């Protein structure tokens, strides 16, 4: 008698939201405070919402701590972060007692970044993010239009087809002055490398200080013809 075959029903991905609904939501939140944007996302998606942070600063985390304190925050530990970044993660966690999840690559450190920076980012950022967002419906980021040309047109709310999540950017409309003013008013801890000219802080092999007036992301992957890690494209 043949062995019975068990058919496993795999969960189907949620259908993509109606683009017009997201566009309307984004338009309605264009002038809203960052806290109100986070509350909107939490009210709508609840535990299906996840927040990611590179811990370059803690502006978004300060907003989330007050607007949705139970939201899960994810830090992608690439294993190449500056020691100052890891110390800053601990400092911020101590201040806010975040619902923090640290996700690491499935590979040991290697030298892939030297000749295959895209592949390095793929295994140390993109794949870990996939695990972070598995089963989630909304992804909250700290992206700002002022970050550079590649981000100049990001909406407050949109759809990320690559991850299958609604992507929420509460700080999208903030200028550099807005960030500096918020940090000052809230007396937020500042990443120690900021004062050394690091305007955009990633992994140590691929991050350099920039000069006054330079594009903040000019110090990322210098000389490699690369501007994004792959998380946001």
C-alpha atoms as a PDB file:
ATOM      1  CA  UNK A   1       0.000   0.000   0.000  1.00  0.00           C
ATOM      2  CA  UNK A   2       1.541   3.330  -1.015  1.00  0.00           C
ATOM      3  CA  UNK A   3       2.516   5.796   1.694  1.00  0.00           C
ATOM      4  CA  UNK A   4      -0.041   8.605   1.988  1.00  0.00           C
ATOM      5  CA  UNK A   5       1.201  11.937   0.715  1.00  0.00           C
ATOM      6  CA  UNK A   6       0.689  14.881   3.042  1.00  0.00           C
ATOM      7  CA  UNK A   7      -0.011  18.117   1.230  1.00  0.00           C
ATOM      8  CA  UNK A   8       1.225  21.152   3.149  1.00  0.00           C
ATOM      9  CA  UNK A   9      -0.691  24.314   2.510  1.00  0.00           C
ATOM     10  CA  UNK A  10       1.818  27.154   2.535  1.00  0.00           C
ATOM     11  CA  UNK A  11       0.548  30.563   3.608  1.00  0.00           C
ATOM     12  CA  UNK A  12       0.006  32.825   0.652  1.00  0.00           C
ATOM     13  CA  UNK A  13       1.505  36.321   0.681  1.00  0.00           C
ATOM     14  CA  UNK A  14      -0.955  39.093   1.439  1.00  0.00           C
ATOM     15  CA  UNK A  15      -2.200  40.856  -1.664  1.00  0.00           C
ATOM     16  CA  UNK A  16      -0.611  44.205  -2.415  1.00  0.00           C
ATOM     17  CA  UNK A  17      -2.643  47.137  -1.068  1.00  0.00           C
ATOM     18  CA  UNK A  18      -4.552  49.358  -3.439  1.00  0.00           C
ATOM     19  CA  UNK A  19      -2.002  51.958  -4.651  1.00  0.00           C
ATOM     20  CA  UNK A  20      -4.643  54.686  -4.635  1.00  0.00           C
ATOM     21  CA  UNK A  21      -5.397  53.990  -0.971  1.00  0.00           C
ATOM     22  CA  UNK A  22      -1.724  54.285  -0.056  1.00  0.00           C
ATOM     23  CA  UNK A  23      -1.325  57.435  -2.128  1.00  0.00           C
ATOM     24  CA  UNK A  24      -4.307  58.989  -0.374  1.00  0.00           C
ATOM     25  CA  UNK A  25      -2.892  58.014   3.018  1.00  0.00           C
ATOM     26  CA  UNK A  26       0.490  59.447   2.094  1.00  0.00           C
ATOM     27  CA  UNK A  27      -1.052  62.709   0.931  1.00  0.00           C
ATOM     28  CA  UNK A  28      -3.092  63.010   4.118  1.00  0.00           C
ATOM     29  CA  UNK A  29       0.019  62.466   6.252  1.00  0.00           C
ATOM     30  CA  UNK A  30       2.318  64.766   4.273  1.00  0.00           C
ATOM     31  CA  UNK A  31       1.989  67.537   6.861  1.00  0.00           C
ATOM     32  CA  UNK A  32       1.458  65.304   9.881  1.00  0.00           C
ATOM     33  CA  UNK A  33       3.997  65.056  12.672  1.00  0.00           C
ATOM     34  CA  UNK A  34       6.326  62.062  12.663  1.00  0.00           C
ATOM     35  CA  UNK A  35       4.620  60.811  15.824  1.00  0.00           C
ATOM     36  CA  UNK A  36       1.220  60.965  14.138  1.00  0.00           C
ATOM     37  CA  UNK A  37       2.566  58.997  11.166  1.00  0.00           C
ATOM     38  CA  UNK A  38       3.885  56.295  13.496  1.00  0.00           C
ATOM     39  CA  UNK A  39       0.574  56.201  15.389  1.00  0.00           C
ATOM     40  CA  UNK A  40      -1.278  55.852  12.091  1.00  0.00           C
ATOM     41  CA  UNK A  41       0.903  52.889  11.140  1.00  0.00           C
ATOM     42  CA  UNK A  42       0.569  51.266  14.560  1.00  0.00           C
ATOM     43  CA  UNK A  43      -3.207  51.746  14.639  1.00  0.00           C
ATOM     44  CA  UNK A  44      -3.507  50.245  11.185  1.00  0.00           C
ATOM     45  CA  UNK A  45      -0.963  47.396  11.327  1.00  0.00           C
ATOM     46  CA  UNK A  46      -0.278  46.775  15.029  1.00  0.00           C
ATOM     47  CA  UNK A  47       2.147  43.912  15.601  1.00  0.00           C
ATOM     48  CA  UNK A  48       2.410  43.532  11.829  1.00  0.00           C
ATOM     49  CA  UNK A  49       4.564  46.670  11.886  1.00  0.00           C
ATOM     50  CA  UNK A  50       8.330  46.555  12.315  1.00  0.00           C
ATOM     51  CA  UNK A  51      10.764  49.460  12.646  1.00  0.00           C
ATOM     52  CA  UNK A  52      14.312  49.250  11.303  1.00  0.00           C
ATOM     53  CA  UNK A  53      17.164  51.461  12.458  1.00  0.00           C
ATOM     54  CA  UNK A  54      20.831  51.662  11.529  1.00  0.00           C
ATOM     55  CA  UNK A  55      21.432  53.533  14.795  1.00  0.00           C
ATOM     56  CA  UNK A  56      23.155  56.354  12.956  1.00  0.00           C
ATOM     57  CA  UNK A  57      21.036  58.499  15.229  1.00  0.00           C
ATOM     58  CA  UNK A  58      18.021  57.855  17.440  1.00  0.00           C
ATOM     59  CA  UNK A  59      15.534  60.440  16.151  1.00  0.00           C
ATOM     60  CA  UNK A  60      13.097  57.865  14.730  1.00  0.00           C
ATOM     61  CA  UNK A  61      13.502  55.686  17.809  1.00  0.00           C
ATOM     62  CA  UNK A  62      12.669  58.612  20.083  1.00  0.00           C
ATOM     63  CA  UNK A  63       9.477  59.156  18.073  1.00  0.00           C
ATOM     64  CA  UNK A  64       8.584  55.462  18.131  1.00  0.00           C
ATOM     65  CA  UNK A  65       9.261  55.174  21.873  1.00  0.00           C
ATOM     66  CA  UNK A  66       6.547  57.726  22.553  1.00  0.00           C
ATOM     67  CA  UNK A  67       4.087  56.930  19.744  1.00  0.00           C
ATOM     68  CA  UNK A  68       4.256  53.104  19.580  1.00  0.00           C
ATOM     69  CA  UNK A  69       6.459  51.844  22.444  1.00  0.00           C
ATOM     70  CA  UNK A  70       5.518  48.190  21.890  1.00  0.00           C
ATOM     71  CA  UNK A  71       6.597  48.174  18.251  1.00  0.00           C
ATOM     72  CA  UNK A  72       9.453  45.852  17.402  1.00  0.00           C
ATOM     73  CA  UNK A  73      12.689  47.598  16.437  1.00  0.00           C
ATOM     74  CA  UNK A  74      15.205  45.698  14.305  1.00  0.00           C
ATOM     75  CA  UNK A  75      18.934  46.348  14.100  1.00  0.00           C
ATOM     76  CA  UNK A  76      20.770  44.536  11.314  1.00  0.00           C
ATOM     77  CA  UNK A  77      24.150  43.671  12.804  1.00  0.00           C
ATOM     78  CA  UNK A  78      26.272  43.187   9.682  1.00  0.00           C
ATOM     79  CA  UNK A  79      29.266  42.180  11.847  1.00  0.00           C
ATOM     80  CA  UNK A  80      31.147  45.107  10.276  1.00  0.00           C
ATOM     81  CA  UNK A  81      29.708  47.958  12.322  1.00  0.00           C
ATOM     82  CA  UNK A  82      32.062  50.428  13.971  1.00  0.00           C
ATOM     83  CA  UNK A  83      32.639  49.715  17.670  1.00  0.00           C
ATOM     84  CA  UNK A  84      31.185  53.179  18.277  1.00  0.00           C
ATOM     85  CA  UNK A  85      27.939  52.108  16.609  1.00  0.00           C
ATOM     86  CA  UNK A  86      27.610  49.006  18.778  1.00  0.00           C
ATOM     87  CA  UNK A  87      28.261  51.083  21.895  1.00  0.00           C
ATOM     88  CA  UNK A  88      25.644  53.585  20.708  1.00  0.00           C
ATOM     89  CA  UNK A  89      23.087  50.783  20.268  1.00  0.00           C
ATOM     90  CA  UNK A  90      23.596  49.853  23.919  1.00  0.00           C
ATOM     91  CA  UNK A  91      23.322  53.484  25.014  1.00  0.00           C
ATOM     92  CA  UNK A  92      20.075  54.018  23.121  1.00  0.00           C
ATOM     93  CA  UNK A  93      18.621  50.707  24.292  1.00  0.00           C
ATOM     94  CA  UNK A  94      19.372  51.637  27.891  1.00  0.00           C
ATOM     95  CA  UNK A  95      17.583  54.960  27.447  1.00  0.00           C
ATOM     96  CA  UNK A  96      14.423  53.643  25.786  1.00  0.00           C
ATOM     97  CA  UNK A  97      14.149  49.954  26.712  1.00  0.00           C
ATOM     98  CA  UNK A  98      13.193  49.201  23.120  1.00  0.00           C
ATOM     99  CA  UNK A  99      11.507  46.015  21.961  1.00  0.00           C
ATOM    100  CA  UNK A 100      14.780  45.362  20.135  1.00  0.00           C
ATOM    101  CA  UNK A 101      15.610  42.432  17.880  1.00  0.00           C
ATOM    102  CA  UNK A 102      19.162  42.082  16.564  1.00  0.00           C
ATOM    103  CA  UNK A 103      19.512  40.066  13.353  1.00  0.00           C
ATOM    104  CA  UNK A 104      22.867  38.859  12.059  1.00  0.00           C
ATOM    105  CA  UNK A 105      24.003  37.364   8.745  1.00  0.00           C
ATOM    106  CA  UNK A 106      24.094  33.641   8.150  1.00  0.00           C
ATOM    107  CA  UNK A 107      27.753  33.949   7.099  1.00  0.00           C
ATOM    108  CA  UNK A 108      30.914  34.582   9.084  1.00  0.00           C
ATOM    109  CA  UNK A 109      32.865  37.790   8.377  1.00  0.00           C
ATOM    110  CA  UNK A 110      34.927  37.626   5.182  1.00  0.00           C
ATOM    111  CA  UNK A 111      36.524  39.933   2.610  1.00  0.00           C
ATOM    112  CA  UNK A 112      33.679  39.942   0.108  1.00  0.00           C
ATOM    113  CA  UNK A 113      33.307  43.701   0.541  1.00  0.00           C
ATOM    114  CA  UNK A 114      36.657  44.222  -1.216  1.00  0.00           C
ATOM    115  CA  UNK A 115      35.615  42.982  -4.677  1.00  0.00           C
ATOM    116  CA  UNK A 116      31.864  42.329  -4.418  1.00  0.00           C
ATOM    117  CA  UNK A 117      30.269  45.097  -2.341  1.00  0.00           C
ATOM    118  CA  UNK A 118      26.797  44.380  -3.740  1.00  0.00           C
ATOM    119  CA  UNK A 119      27.113  40.730  -2.781  1.00  0.00           C
ATOM    120  CA  UNK A 120      28.362  41.715   0.649  1.00  0.00           C
ATOM    121  CA  UNK A 121      25.338  43.937   1.222  1.00  0.00           C
ATOM    122  CA  UNK A 122      23.083  41.216  -0.102  1.00  0.00           C
ATOM    123  CA  UNK A 123      24.146  38.636   2.494  1.00  0.00           C
ATOM    124  CA  UNK A 124      24.678  41.057   5.388  1.00  0.00           C
ATOM    125  CA  UNK A 125      21.735  43.426   4.944  1.00  0.00           C
ATOM    126  CA  UNK A 126      19.204  42.412   2.310  1.00  0.00           C
ATOM    127  CA  UNK A 127      18.801  38.771   3.359  1.00  0.00           C
ATOM    128  CA  UNK A 128      18.677  39.585   7.112  1.00  0.00           C
ATOM    129  CA  UNK A 129      16.042  42.232   6.348  1.00  0.00           C
ATOM    130  CA  UNK A 130      13.992  39.582   4.557  1.00  0.00           C
ATOM    131  CA  UNK A 131      13.982  37.553   7.763  1.00  0.00           C
ATOM    132  CA  UNK A 132      13.127  40.638   9.815  1.00  0.00           C
ATOM    133  CA  UNK A 133      10.101  41.397   7.652  1.00  0.00           C
ATOM    134  CA  UNK A 134       8.842  37.827   7.240  1.00  0.00           C
ATOM    135  CA  UNK A 135       5.157  37.779   8.127  1.00  0.00           C
ATOM    136  CA  UNK A 136       5.011  41.550   8.575  1.00  0.00           C
ATOM    137  CA  UNK A 137       2.776  43.936   6.715  1.00  0.00           C
ATOM    138  CA  UNK A 138       4.376  47.338   7.405  1.00  0.00           C
ATOM    139  CA  UNK A 139       7.977  48.531   7.528  1.00  0.00           C
ATOM    140  CA  UNK A 140       8.822  51.830   9.247  1.00  0.00           C
ATOM    141  CA  UNK A 141      12.117  53.463   8.248  1.00  0.00           C
ATOM    142  CA  UNK A 142      14.072  56.629   8.976  1.00  0.00           C
ATOM    143  CA  UNK A 143      14.462  57.602   5.304  1.00  0.00           C
ATOM    144  CA  UNK A 144      14.374  61.320   4.497  1.00  0.00           C
ATOM    145  CA  UNK A 145      14.157  63.132   1.174  1.00  0.00           C
ATOM    146  CA  UNK A 146      17.085  65.254   2.287  1.00  0.00           C
ATOM    147  CA  UNK A 147      19.326  62.175   2.459  1.00  0.00           C
ATOM    148  CA  UNK A 148      20.290  62.586  -1.188  1.00  0.00           C
ATOM    149  CA  UNK A 149      19.098  62.465  -4.806  1.00  0.00           C
ATOM    150  CA  UNK A 150      18.140  58.779  -4.686  1.00  0.00           C
ATOM    151  CA  UNK A 151      15.660  59.503  -1.911  1.00  0.00           C
ATOM    152  CA  UNK A 152      14.395  62.915  -2.958  1.00  0.00           C
ATOM    153  CA  UNK A 153      10.924  61.716  -3.955  1.00  0.00           C
ATOM    154  CA  UNK A 154      10.109  59.112  -1.297  1.00  0.00           C
ATOM    155  CA  UNK A 155       6.498  59.220  -0.084  1.00  0.00           C
ATOM    156  CA  UNK A 156       5.445  59.212   3.540  1.00  0.00           C
ATOM    157  CA  UNK A 157       3.579  55.973   2.802  1.00  0.00           C
ATOM    158  CA  UNK A 158       4.213  53.669  -0.126  1.00  0.00           C
ATOM    159  CA  UNK A 159       4.492  50.028  -1.105  1.00  0.00           C
ATOM    160  CA  UNK A 160       7.768  48.132  -1.270  1.00  0.00           C
ATOM    161  CA  UNK A 161       7.208  45.379  -3.808  1.00  0.00           C
ATOM    162  CA  UNK A 162      10.533  43.712  -3.059  1.00  0.00           C
ATOM    163  CA  UNK A 163       9.622  43.032   0.577  1.00  0.00           C
ATOM    164  CA  UNK A 164       5.851  42.927   0.111  1.00  0.00           C
ATOM    165  CA  UNK A 165       5.291  45.501   2.844  1.00  0.00           C
ATOM    166  CA  UNK A 166       3.762  48.925   3.180  1.00  0.00           C
ATOM    167  CA  UNK A 167       6.742  51.213   3.688  1.00  0.00           C
ATOM    168  CA  UNK A 168       6.223  54.086   6.101  1.00  0.00           C
ATOM    169  CA  UNK A 169       8.712  56.965   6.279  1.00  0.00           C
ATOM    170  CA  UNK A 170       7.697  59.255   9.184  1.00  0.00           C
ATOM    171  CA  UNK A 171      10.719  61.542   8.701  1.00  0.00           C
ATOM    172  CA  UNK A 172      10.402  61.816   4.918  1.00  0.00           C
ATOM    173  CA  UNK A 173       9.793  65.569   4.942  1.00  0.00           C
ATOM    174  CA  UNK A 174      12.415  66.474   7.550  1.00  0.00           C
ATOM    175  CA  UNK A 175      15.385  68.643   6.599  1.00  0.00           C
ATOM    176  CA  UNK A 176      18.821  68.370   8.177  1.00  0.00           C
ATOM    177  CA  UNK A 177      17.944  71.434  10.256  1.00  0.00           C
ATOM    178  CA  UNK A 178      14.756  69.733  11.454  1.00  0.00           C
ATOM    179  CA  UNK A 179      16.792  66.763  12.633  1.00  0.00           C
ATOM    180  CA  UNK A 180      19.395  68.924  14.368  1.00  0.00           C
ATOM    181  CA  UNK A 181      16.703  70.978  16.075  1.00  0.00           C
ATOM    182  CA  UNK A 182      14.871  67.866  17.271  1.00  0.00           C
ATOM    183  CA  UNK A 183      18.082  66.346  18.645  1.00  0.00           C
ATOM    184  CA  UNK A 184      18.829  69.572  20.480  1.00  0.00           C
ATOM    185  CA  UNK A 185      15.347  70.042  21.909  1.00  0.00           C
ATOM    186  CA  UNK A 186      15.013  66.431  23.006  1.00  0.00           C
ATOM    187  CA  UNK A 187      18.615  66.265  24.252  1.00  0.00           C
ATOM    188  CA  UNK A 188      19.129  63.033  22.346  1.00  0.00           C
ATOM    189  CA  UNK A 189      22.374  61.064  22.554  1.00  0.00           C
ATOM    190  CA  UNK A 190      24.462  61.580  19.416  1.00  0.00           C
ATOM    191  CA  UNK A 191      26.478  58.908  17.621  1.00  0.00           C
ATOM    192  CA  UNK A 192      30.122  59.532  18.583  1.00  0.00           C
ATOM    193  CA  UNK A 193      31.332  59.458  14.963  1.00  0.00           C
ATOM    194  CA  UNK A 194      29.065  62.354  13.970  1.00  0.00           C
ATOM    195  CA  UNK A 195      31.510  64.886  15.392  1.00  0.00           C
ATOM    196  CA  UNK A 196      34.296  63.298  13.333  1.00  0.00           C
ATOM    197  CA  UNK A 197      32.653  64.108   9.994  1.00  0.00           C
ATOM    198  CA  UNK A 198      30.689  60.915   9.411  1.00  0.00           C
ATOM    199  CA  UNK A 199      27.433  62.188   7.931  1.00  0.00           C
ATOM    200  CA  UNK A 200      26.117  58.748   6.954  1.00  0.00           C
ATOM    201  CA  UNK A 201      27.316  55.840   9.051  1.00  0.00           C
ATOM    202  CA  UNK A 202      27.359  52.258   7.845  1.00  0.00           C
ATOM    203  CA  UNK A 203      29.943  49.464   7.960  1.00  0.00           C
ATOM    204  CA  UNK A 204      33.549  50.401   8.709  1.00  0.00           C
ATOM    205  CA  UNK A 205      35.060  49.033   5.462  1.00  0.00           C
ATOM    206  CA  UNK A 206      32.756  51.173   3.315  1.00  0.00           C
ATOM    207  CA  UNK A 207      32.222  54.401   5.275  1.00  0.00           C
ATOM    208  CA  UNK A 208      34.371  57.549   5.324  1.00  0.00           C
ATOM    209  CA  UNK A 209      33.980  61.081   6.718  1.00  0.00           C
ATOM    210  CA  UNK A 210      32.791  63.779   4.307  1.00  0.00           C
ATOM    211  CA  UNK A 211      33.655  67.448   3.943  1.00  0.00           C
ATOM    212  CA  UNK A 212      31.425  70.388   4.758  1.00  0.00           C
ATOM    213  CA  UNK A 213      28.773  70.823   2.080  1.00  0.00           C
ATOM    214  CA  UNK A 214      29.305  67.375   0.577  1.00  0.00           C
ATOM    215  CA  UNK A 215      26.413  65.020  -0.086  1.00  0.00           C
ATOM    216  CA  UNK A 216      25.899  63.206   3.250  1.00  0.00           C
ATOM    217  CA  UNK A 217      26.138  59.847   1.478  1.00  0.00           C
ATOM    218  CA  UNK A 218      29.360  60.696  -0.371  1.00  0.00           C
ATOM    219  CA  UNK A 219      31.254  58.829   2.317  1.00  0.00           C
ATOM    220  CA  UNK A 220      29.460  55.547   1.641  1.00  0.00           C
ATOM    221  CA  UNK A 221      31.271  53.083  -0.657  1.00  0.00           C
ATOM    222  CA  UNK A 222      33.710  55.770  -1.898  1.00  0.00           C
ATOM    223  CA  UNK A 223      35.337  54.821  -5.188  1.00  0.00           C
ATOM    224  CA  UNK A 224      33.068  51.792  -5.636  1.00  0.00           C
ATOM    225  CA  UNK A 225      30.417  53.321  -7.919  1.00  0.00           C
ATOM    226  CA  UNK A 226      27.757  52.356  -5.382  1.00  0.00           C
ATOM    227  CA  UNK A 227      25.276  54.571  -3.544  1.00  0.00           C
ATOM    228  CA  UNK A 228      22.793  52.198  -1.855  1.00  0.00           C
ATOM    229  CA  UNK A 229      23.094  48.942   0.043  1.00  0.00           C
ATOM    230  CA  UNK A 230      19.993  47.441  -1.565  1.00  0.00           C
ATOM    231  CA  UNK A 231      17.570  47.787   1.317  1.00  0.00           C
ATOM    232  CA  UNK A 232      15.854  50.801  -0.201  1.00  0.00           C
ATOM    233  CA  UNK A 233      15.878  50.254  -3.949  1.00  0.00           C
END
